[in-house]
C-alpha cells in the first residue's frame, strides 16, 4: 500500500544472510542459545525495508523463548525499489528466501517449519505466491533486479520463470488493502494542494499516457531482437497523488496499482478491492487450493486493521472478509482471522499499544498451531 516514512525501531542483533546472489535477509537472533528450527519470513509493504514496520520488534521479543526466528529479506523492491518492481519478481525472490531458510535451518537446527507473513503490499506478495501458476508466467518485458546475471541485465522471454516456488507451512496477511480504492478515494476528496477535479484530471492524463507508452523498445545486447523496457511516470504526477518524489515509478507498476480496467479486469496489484467480482476472487483466493503451496494443517490467517487509514469509509470490512473466506474455502481460512479493533494500517500510531498486543497474540497462536 502507500509508502510511509520509516518507523523508528529498537536495535536487534542478528545474522545477515546472502540468500541469493545480490540479495540478503536479516535474521533476528536475540536468543542464539535456544534452538530455532522454525522461521517466520516477514515481507513489508511499499517503501518498507529492515526495521521500518514497528510491530515486527514486538513479534521478535515475543518469540524470544520459542523455536522461531524472524527472517526479513531485502527484496529488489524494498525501500524505493517498489516503483520499478512487480509482485511477480517479488515472489520469485521470496521463493529463493524460503528455499535458503529451509536449507540453512535444517543444517543448523534440524528440519523446521517456514511461515510467510506479509504487511500491506506484502499481502499481495503472499497471496500471489500462493495462487499464481508455479512456475509463474514470465514477464513480457526485461526486468532489472538485484539478482542479475552476465552483464547485469535479465532478459525476459515468453514462457515461464525459472523459479519453482516451494510450499510453505503457513501464511499470514496483515493490512491487506486496495491501492486502487485508496487512490480513488483521494481523487474524490482531493488534497491540501489539489481539488478533487484537479486530482482526477492529473491522474486521468497520467493513466492515458502510461497506457499509450508503457514500454519503449531497446536494442538487445545479446544480438537478439529488440526488447521492451519500462517507461517512467513523471515525478510531478506521482508526487501529487501521494508517492515519494524521489521514487521512480514505472508506467507498468503505476498501471498495476491504479488498475484502470478494474473491477472487470483487475491488474496484478489489485487483489483486495471491495468491488471485485466473484470471478476475480476465484483467480486469487480461489486458486490457493489448486496450487497446493499452503499446507492444509495451517490455513491462511487474515488480520485486517479496523481503523486502516488506507481503506475508504464506504468499505464494509466484515462483508469483504466473508467474501474472501468463501472464495478461499472455509477449511483454508484460519479461525484466528479477524478485524483488529482500532488498529491503524501499520499499527504505528501512539494509541496502538492494545491493537499491537492483539496482533502479537494472534501471530504467536498461529505459529503454535503450525508447530504442532
Protein backbone atom coordinates (compact mmCIF):
# COMPACT_ATOMS: atom_id res chain seq x y z
CA UNK A 1 0.00 0.00 0.00
CA UNK A 2 1.05 3.64 0.16
CA UNK A 3 4.60 4.34 1.20
CA UNK A 4 5.33 5.99 4.53
CA UNK A 5 8.32 7.40 6.41
CA UNK A 6 10.50 4.75 8.07
CA UNK A 7 9.43 3.97 11.61
CA UNK A 8 11.90 4.06 14.46
CA UNK A 9 12.80 0.57 15.63
CA UNK A 10 14.81 -0.85 18.50
CA UNK A 11 18.13 -2.35 17.60
CA UNK A 12 18.15 -6.14 17.47
CA UNK A 13 21.15 -8.39 16.91
CA UNK A 14 21.12 -10.91 14.12
CA UNK A 15 22.77 -12.57 11.15
CA UNK A 16 22.91 -11.19 7.62
CA UNK A 17 22.28 -14.00 5.14
CA UNK A 18 23.03 -13.72 1.40
CA UNK A 19 20.08 -15.87 0.36
CA UNK A 20 20.71 -15.46 -3.37
CA UNK A 21 23.35 -13.54 -5.37
CA UNK A 22 22.80 -9.82 -4.86
CA UNK A 23 20.11 -10.12 -2.18
CA UNK A 24 20.26 -10.53 1.60
CA UNK A 25 17.95 -11.34 4.51
CA UNK A 26 18.44 -10.34 8.13
CA UNK A 27 17.67 -12.99 10.73
CA UNK A 28 16.84 -11.57 14.15
CA UNK A 29 18.57 -13.80 16.71
CA UNK A 30 18.25 -12.40 20.22
CA UNK A 31 18.46 -15.87 21.79
CA UNK A 32 21.11 -17.84 19.94
CA UNK A 33 21.41 -20.42 22.75
CA UNK A 34 17.84 -21.67 22.18
CA UNK A 35 17.21 -23.96 19.16
CA UNK A 36 15.48 -22.01 16.37
CA UNK A 37 14.47 -24.56 13.73
CA UNK A 38 11.37 -22.61 12.63
CA UNK A 39 11.28 -19.45 10.51
CA UNK A 40 8.83 -16.57 10.11
CA UNK A 41 9.65 -14.69 6.89
CA UNK A 42 8.29 -11.12 7.05
CA UNK A 43 7.52 -9.11 3.88
CA UNK A 44 6.72 -5.40 4.24
CA UNK A 45 4.82 -3.00 2.03
CA UNK A 46 5.71 -0.29 -0.48
CA UNK A 47 8.76 1.60 0.77
CA UNK A 48 9.46 -0.82 3.61
CA UNK A 49 12.81 -2.37 4.43
CA UNK A 50 14.69 -3.52 7.52
CA UNK A 51 13.22 -2.09 10.72
CA UNK A 52 10.53 0.08 9.09
CA UNK A 53 7.48 -1.83 10.42
CA UNK A 54 7.48 -1.18 14.17
CA UNK A 55 5.41 -4.12 15.35
CA UNK A 56 7.98 -6.58 13.99
CA UNK A 57 10.06 -5.68 17.07
CA UNK A 58 7.14 -6.79 19.27
CA UNK A 59 6.98 -10.13 17.43
CA UNK A 60 10.73 -10.64 17.78
CA UNK A 61 10.56 -10.03 21.53
CA UNK A 62 7.56 -12.36 21.91
CA UNK A 63 9.45 -15.13 20.09
CA UNK A 64 12.50 -14.84 22.36
CA UNK A 65 11.97 -18.13 24.22
CA UNK A 66 10.43 -20.06 21.34
CA UNK A 67 11.81 -22.17 18.50
CA UNK A 68 11.07 -19.42 15.96
CA UNK A 69 13.27 -16.70 14.47
CA UNK A 70 12.27 -13.88 12.10
CA UNK A 71 13.82 -13.53 8.64
CA UNK A 72 13.43 -10.13 6.95
CA UNK A 73 14.52 -10.39 3.31
CA UNK A 74 15.58 -7.30 1.41
CA UNK A 75 13.87 -7.68 -1.96
CA UNK A 76 14.73 -5.81 -5.14
CA UNK A 77 11.50 -3.87 -4.46
CA UNK A 78 12.41 -2.90 -0.88
CA UNK A 79 12.74 0.77 0.04
CA UNK A 80 12.33 2.81 -3.18
CA UNK A 81 12.72 -0.22 -5.46
CA UNK A 82 8.96 -0.87 -5.48
CA UNK A 83 8.39 1.78 -8.14
CA UNK A 84 10.06 -0.27 -10.86
CA UNK A 85 9.31 -3.69 -9.41
CA UNK A 86 6.45 -6.14 -9.62
CA UNK A 87 4.87 -8.69 -7.32
CA UNK A 88 5.84 -11.35 -9.86
CA UNK A 89 9.51 -10.60 -9.29
CA UNK A 90 8.84 -10.37 -5.54
CA UNK A 91 7.50 -13.91 -5.31
CA UNK A 92 10.50 -15.28 -7.21
CA UNK A 93 12.79 -13.69 -4.63
CA UNK A 94 10.61 -14.80 -1.71
CA UNK A 95 10.79 -18.35 -3.06
CA UNK A 96 14.57 -18.15 -3.02
CA UNK A 97 14.47 -16.93 0.58
CA UNK A 98 12.14 -19.78 1.60
CA UNK A 99 14.48 -22.30 -0.03
CA UNK A 100 17.52 -20.78 1.67
CA UNK A 101 15.89 -20.59 5.11
CA UNK A 102 14.79 -24.23 4.98
CA UNK A 103 18.25 -25.43 3.99
CA UNK A 104 20.05 -23.20 6.49
CA UNK A 105 17.81 -24.09 9.42
CA UNK A 106 17.97 -27.81 8.65
CA UNK A 107 21.77 -27.72 8.60
CA UNK A 108 21.84 -25.74 11.86
CA UNK A 109 18.92 -26.97 13.99
CA UNK A 110 17.27 -29.77 12.03
CA UNK A 111 14.14 -29.73 9.87
CA UNK A 112 11.70 -26.98 10.79
CA UNK A 113 8.66 -25.01 9.64
CA UNK A 114 8.55 -21.92 7.42
CA UNK A 115 5.70 -19.38 7.63
CA UNK A 116 5.44 -16.29 5.41
CA UNK A 117 3.81 -13.08 6.67
CA UNK A 118 3.00 -10.01 4.62
CA UNK A 119 2.12 -6.45 5.64
CA UNK A 120 0.28 -4.10 3.27
CA UNK A 121 1.60 -4.73 -0.28
CA UNK A 122 3.43 -7.68 1.26
CA UNK A 123 -0.07 -9.21 1.40
CA UNK A 124 -0.29 -9.06 -2.40
CA UNK A 125 3.06 -10.83 -2.48
CA UNK A 126 1.88 -13.60 -0.15
CA UNK A 127 -1.43 -14.19 -1.93
CA UNK A 128 0.29 -14.11 -5.33
CA UNK A 129 2.87 -16.59 -4.02
CA UNK A 130 0.06 -18.97 -3.01
CA UNK A 131 -2.22 -18.52 -6.03
CA UNK A 132 -0.08 -17.78 -9.11
CA UNK A 133 0.89 -20.51 -11.57
CA UNK A 134 4.02 -22.33 -10.41
CA UNK A 135 6.44 -21.51 -12.01
CA UNK A 136 4.79 -18.19 -12.77
CA UNK A 137 4.36 -16.84 -16.32
CA UNK A 138 7.43 -14.91 -17.36
CA UNK A 139 7.13 -11.13 -17.66
CA UNK A 140 6.83 -9.76 -21.16
CA UNK A 141 9.41 -7.04 -20.55
CA UNK A 142 13.03 -7.07 -19.45
CA UNK A 143 13.47 -6.87 -15.67
CA UNK A 144 16.34 -5.26 -13.80
CA UNK A 145 16.85 -6.68 -10.31
CA UNK A 146 19.40 -7.24 -7.60
CA UNK A 147 19.62 -10.87 -8.69
CA UNK A 148 21.38 -10.41 -12.02
CA UNK A 149 23.45 -12.50 -14.36
CA UNK A 150 26.03 -11.83 -17.03
CA UNK A 151 26.34 -8.10 -17.66
CA UNK A 152 23.65 -7.25 -15.09
CA UNK A 153 20.63 -7.49 -17.38
CA UNK A 154 17.92 -10.11 -17.19
CA UNK A 155 16.16 -10.64 -20.49
CA UNK A 156 12.61 -11.94 -20.21
CA UNK A 157 11.07 -14.07 -22.94
CA UNK A 158 7.77 -15.82 -23.45
CA UNK A 159 7.22 -18.89 -21.31
CA UNK A 160 7.60 -19.41 -17.59
CA UNK A 161 10.05 -18.15 -15.00
CA UNK A 162 12.91 -20.38 -13.93
CA UNK A 163 11.99 -20.48 -10.23
CA UNK A 164 9.55 -23.05 -8.86
CA UNK A 165 8.14 -21.88 -5.55
CA UNK A 166 8.33 -24.30 -2.61
CA UNK A 167 5.31 -24.90 -0.38
CA UNK A 168 5.18 -23.11 2.98
CA UNK A 169 3.87 -24.35 6.32
CA UNK A 170 1.69 -21.32 6.93
CA UNK A 171 0.81 -17.80 5.76
CA UNK A 172 -0.41 -14.60 7.42
CA UNK A 173 -1.53 -11.38 5.76
CA UNK A 174 -1.87 -8.16 7.80
CA UNK A 175 -3.46 -4.97 6.43
CA UNK A 176 -4.48 -6.33 3.00
CA UNK A 177 -5.80 -3.17 1.36
CA UNK A 178 -6.52 -1.85 -2.11
CA UNK A 179 -4.15 0.73 -3.59
CA UNK A 180 -6.72 1.45 -6.28
CA UNK A 181 -9.51 2.23 -3.82
CA UNK A 182 -7.17 4.40 -1.73
CA UNK A 183 -6.22 6.37 -4.83
CA UNK A 184 -9.83 6.69 -5.98
CA UNK A 185 -10.84 7.99 -2.54
CA UNK A 186 -8.07 10.60 -2.70
CA UNK A 187 -9.30 11.64 -6.13
CA UNK A 188 -12.78 12.05 -4.67
CA UNK A 189 -11.72 14.02 -1.60
CA UNK A 190 -8.77 15.98 -3.01
CA UNK A 191 -5.63 17.04 -1.16
CA UNK A 192 -4.37 20.20 0.56
CA UNK A 193 -2.88 21.21 -2.78
CA UNK A 194 -5.41 19.99 -5.33
CA UNK A 195 -9.18 19.92 -5.60
CA UNK A 196 -10.90 16.64 -6.48
CA UNK A 197 -11.40 17.86 -10.05
CA UNK A 198 -7.73 18.75 -10.42
CA UNK A 199 -6.62 15.42 -8.94
CA UNK A 200 -8.89 13.49 -11.28
CA UNK A 201 -7.55 15.36 -14.30
CA UNK A 202 -3.91 14.75 -13.29
CA UNK A 203 -4.49 11.04 -12.69
CA UNK A 204 -6.55 10.51 -15.84
CA UNK A 205 -3.89 12.14 -18.02
CA UNK A 206 -1.17 10.06 -16.33
CA UNK A 207 -3.11 6.83 -16.90
CA UNK A 208 -3.73 7.62 -20.57
CA UNK A 209 -0.06 8.48 -21.15
CA UNK A 210 1.11 5.34 -19.29
CA UNK A 211 -1.24 3.20 -21.38
CA UNK A 212 -0.11 4.89 -24.60
CA UNK A 213 3.62 4.46 -23.96
CA UNK A 214 4.04 1.80 -21.29
CA UNK A 215 7.23 0.44 -22.86
CA UNK A 216 9.97 1.53 -25.20
CA UNK A 217 11.97 -0.80 -27.39
CA UNK A 218 15.72 -1.02 -26.88
CA UNK A 219 18.32 -2.96 -28.81
CA UNK A 220 19.38 -6.16 -27.06
CA UNK A 221 22.99 -6.68 -26.04
CA UNK A 222 22.54 -10.37 -26.81
CA UNK A 223 22.24 -9.99 -30.57
CA UNK A 224 18.53 -10.81 -30.30
CA UNK A 225 15.52 -8.80 -31.48
CA UNK A 226 14.79 -5.55 -29.59
CA UNK A 227 13.38 -5.99 -26.08
CA UNK A 228 10.92 -3.86 -24.14
CA UNK A 229 11.88 -1.56 -21.28
CA UNK A 230 9.56 0.20 -18.85
CA UNK A 231 8.98 3.92 -19.23
CA UNK A 232 8.65 6.16 -16.15
CA UNK A 233 5.71 8.23 -14.94
CA UNK A 234 6.77 11.86 -14.33
CA UNK A 235 7.57 12.59 -10.68
CA UNK A 236 5.35 15.66 -10.90
CA UNK A 237 2.44 13.25 -11.24
CA UNK A 238 3.37 10.55 -8.74
CA UNK A 239 4.23 13.09 -6.04
CA UNK A 240 0.85 14.79 -6.39
CA UNK A 241 -1.04 11.56 -5.78
CA UNK A 242 0.98 10.74 -2.66
CA UNK A 243 4.07 8.81 -3.72
CA UNK A 244 7.54 9.99 -2.62
CA UNK A 245 9.02 12.46 -5.12
CA UNK A 246 12.37 10.66 -5.01
CA UNK A 247 10.90 7.30 -6.09
CA UNK A 248 10.91 6.45 -9.78
CA UNK A 249 7.66 4.73 -10.75
CA UNK A 250 7.42 2.78 -13.99
CA UNK A 251 4.37 3.06 -16.18
CA UNK A 252 3.78 -0.66 -15.76
CA UNK A 253 3.79 -0.53 -11.92
CA UNK A 254 1.70 2.65 -11.92
CA UNK A 255 -0.98 0.99 -14.06
CA UNK A 256 -0.86 -2.11 -11.88
CA UNK A 257 -1.51 -0.04 -8.73
CA UNK A 258 -4.14 2.24 -10.28
CA UNK A 259 -5.66 -0.67 -12.25
CA UNK A 260 -7.84 1.47 -14.53
CA UNK A 261 -9.68 -1.52 -16.03
CA UNK A 262 -10.94 -2.73 -12.66
CA UNK A 263 -13.19 -4.15 -11.43
CA UNK A 264 -13.92 -6.01 -14.69
CA UNK A 265 -10.26 -6.74 -15.48
CA UNK A 266 -8.09 -6.09 -12.39
CA UNK A 267 -4.36 -5.68 -12.80
CA UNK A 268 -1.73 -7.68 -10.89
CA UNK A 269 -1.69 -5.50 -7.76
CA UNK A 270 -5.48 -5.21 -7.48
CA UNK A 271 -6.42 -8.17 -5.26
CA UNK A 272 -8.24 -6.70 -2.29
CA UNK A 273 -10.66 -4.11 -3.71
CA UNK A 274 -14.17 -4.34 -2.31
CA UNK A 275 -15.82 -4.13 -5.75
CA UNK A 276 -14.03 -7.10 -7.34
CA UNK A 277 -16.42 -9.77 -8.58
CA UNK A 278 -16.50 -13.41 -7.56
CA UNK A 279 -14.65 -14.46 -10.71
CA UNK A 280 -11.73 -12.18 -9.86
CA UNK A 281 -11.59 -13.57 -6.33
CA UNK A 282 -11.57 -17.12 -7.71
CA UNK A 283 -8.36 -16.29 -9.58
CA UNK A 284 -6.62 -15.25 -6.36
CA UNK A 285 -8.12 -16.63 -3.15
CA UNK A 286 -9.90 -19.36 -5.07
CA UNK A 287 -6.70 -20.61 -6.73
CA UNK A 288 -4.83 -21.28 -3.47
CA UNK A 289 -6.22 -24.79 -3.07
CA UNK A 290 -5.20 -25.94 -6.53
CA UNK A 291 -1.64 -24.59 -6.22
CA UNK A 292 -1.05 -26.64 -3.04
CA UNK A 293 1.60 -24.25 -1.79
CA UNK A 294 -0.08 -23.83 1.60
CA UNK A 295 -0.18 -26.93 3.76
CA UNK A 296 -3.71 -27.82 4.85
CA UNK A 297 -2.96 -28.04 8.58
CA UNK A 298 -2.12 -24.31 8.65
CA UNK A 299 -4.79 -22.27 6.82
CA UNK A 300 -4.33 -18.65 5.77
CA UNK A 301 -4.76 -16.13 8.61
CA UNK A 302 -6.05 -12.67 7.71
CA UNK A 303 -5.59 -9.77 10.15
CA UNK A 304 -7.44 -6.70 8.89
CA UNK A 305 -6.92 -3.34 10.60
CA UNK A 306 -10.19 -1.97 11.95
CA UNK A 307 -9.12 1.68 11.55
CA UNK A 308 -6.94 1.39 8.47
CA UNK A 309 -6.32 4.87 7.06
CA UNK A 310 -5.89 3.39 3.57
CA UNK A 311 -9.41 1.93 3.46
CA UNK A 312 -12.24 4.24 2.30
CA UNK A 313 -15.08 4.59 4.83
CA UNK A 314 -17.61 3.01 2.48
CA UNK A 315 -15.88 -0.40 2.59
CA UNK A 316 -17.74 -2.96 4.72
CA UNK A 317 -14.83 -4.88 6.20
CA UNK A 318 -16.94 -7.72 7.62
CA UNK A 319 -18.61 -8.38 4.28
CA UNK A 320 -15.27 -8.20 2.48
CA UNK A 321 -13.67 -10.81 4.74
CA UNK A 322 -16.66 -13.12 4.36
CA UNK A 323 -16.32 -12.94 0.57
CA UNK A 324 -12.61 -13.76 0.79
CA UNK A 325 -13.32 -16.71 3.06
CA UNK A 326 -15.95 -18.04 0.66
CA UNK A 327 -13.59 -17.74 -2.31
CA UNK A 328 -10.72 -19.36 -0.42
CA UNK A 329 -12.78 -22.15 1.16
CA UNK A 330 -13.62 -22.34 4.84
CA UNK A 331 -11.14 -25.10 5.60
CA UNK A 332 -8.28 -22.95 4.28
CA UNK A 333 -9.34 -19.91 6.32
CA UNK A 334 -7.76 -19.82 9.79
CA UNK A 335 -10.25 -19.40 12.62
CA UNK A 336 -7.99 -16.79 14.22
CA UNK A 337 -8.58 -14.39 11.33
CA UNK A 338 -10.15 -11.13 12.49
CA UNK A 339 -10.58 -7.40 12.15
CA UNK A 340 -8.36 -5.96 14.88
CA UNK A 341 -10.40 -3.26 16.68
CA UNK A 342 -8.88 0.21 16.48
CA UNK A 343 -5.82 -0.95 14.54
CA UNK A 344 -4.28 1.51 12.10
CA UNK A 345 -2.63 0.40 8.87
CA UNK A 346 0.82 -0.39 10.30
CA UNK A 347 -0.17 -0.18 13.99
CA UNK A 348 2.42 2.55 14.43
CA UNK A 349 0.37 5.38 15.95
CA UNK A 350 0.69 6.42 19.61
CA UNK A 351 -2.62 4.76 20.52
CA UNK A 352 -1.74 1.34 19.07
CA UNK A 353 -0.45 -0.50 22.17
CA UNK A 354 -3.58 -2.66 22.58
CA UNK A 355 -4.02 -3.48 18.85
CA UNK A 356 -0.35 -4.46 18.71
CA UNK A 357 -0.81 -6.77 21.68
CA UNK A 358 -3.73 -8.43 19.90
CA UNK A 359 -1.70 -8.82 16.71
CA UNK A 360 1.25 -10.38 18.54
CA UNK A 361 -1.03 -12.81 20.41
CA UNK A 362 -2.63 -13.82 17.13
CA UNK A 363 0.73 -14.40 15.41
CA UNK A 364 2.06 -16.44 18.33
CA UNK A 365 -1.08 -18.56 18.49
CA UNK A 366 -0.89 -19.19 14.75
CA UNK A 367 2.76 -20.21 14.92
CA UNK A 368 1.84 -22.55 17.77
CA UNK A 369 -0.77 -24.21 15.52
CA UNK A 370 1.82 -24.61 12.75
CA UNK A 371 4.37 -26.08 15.11
CA UNK A 372 2.06 -28.90 16.25
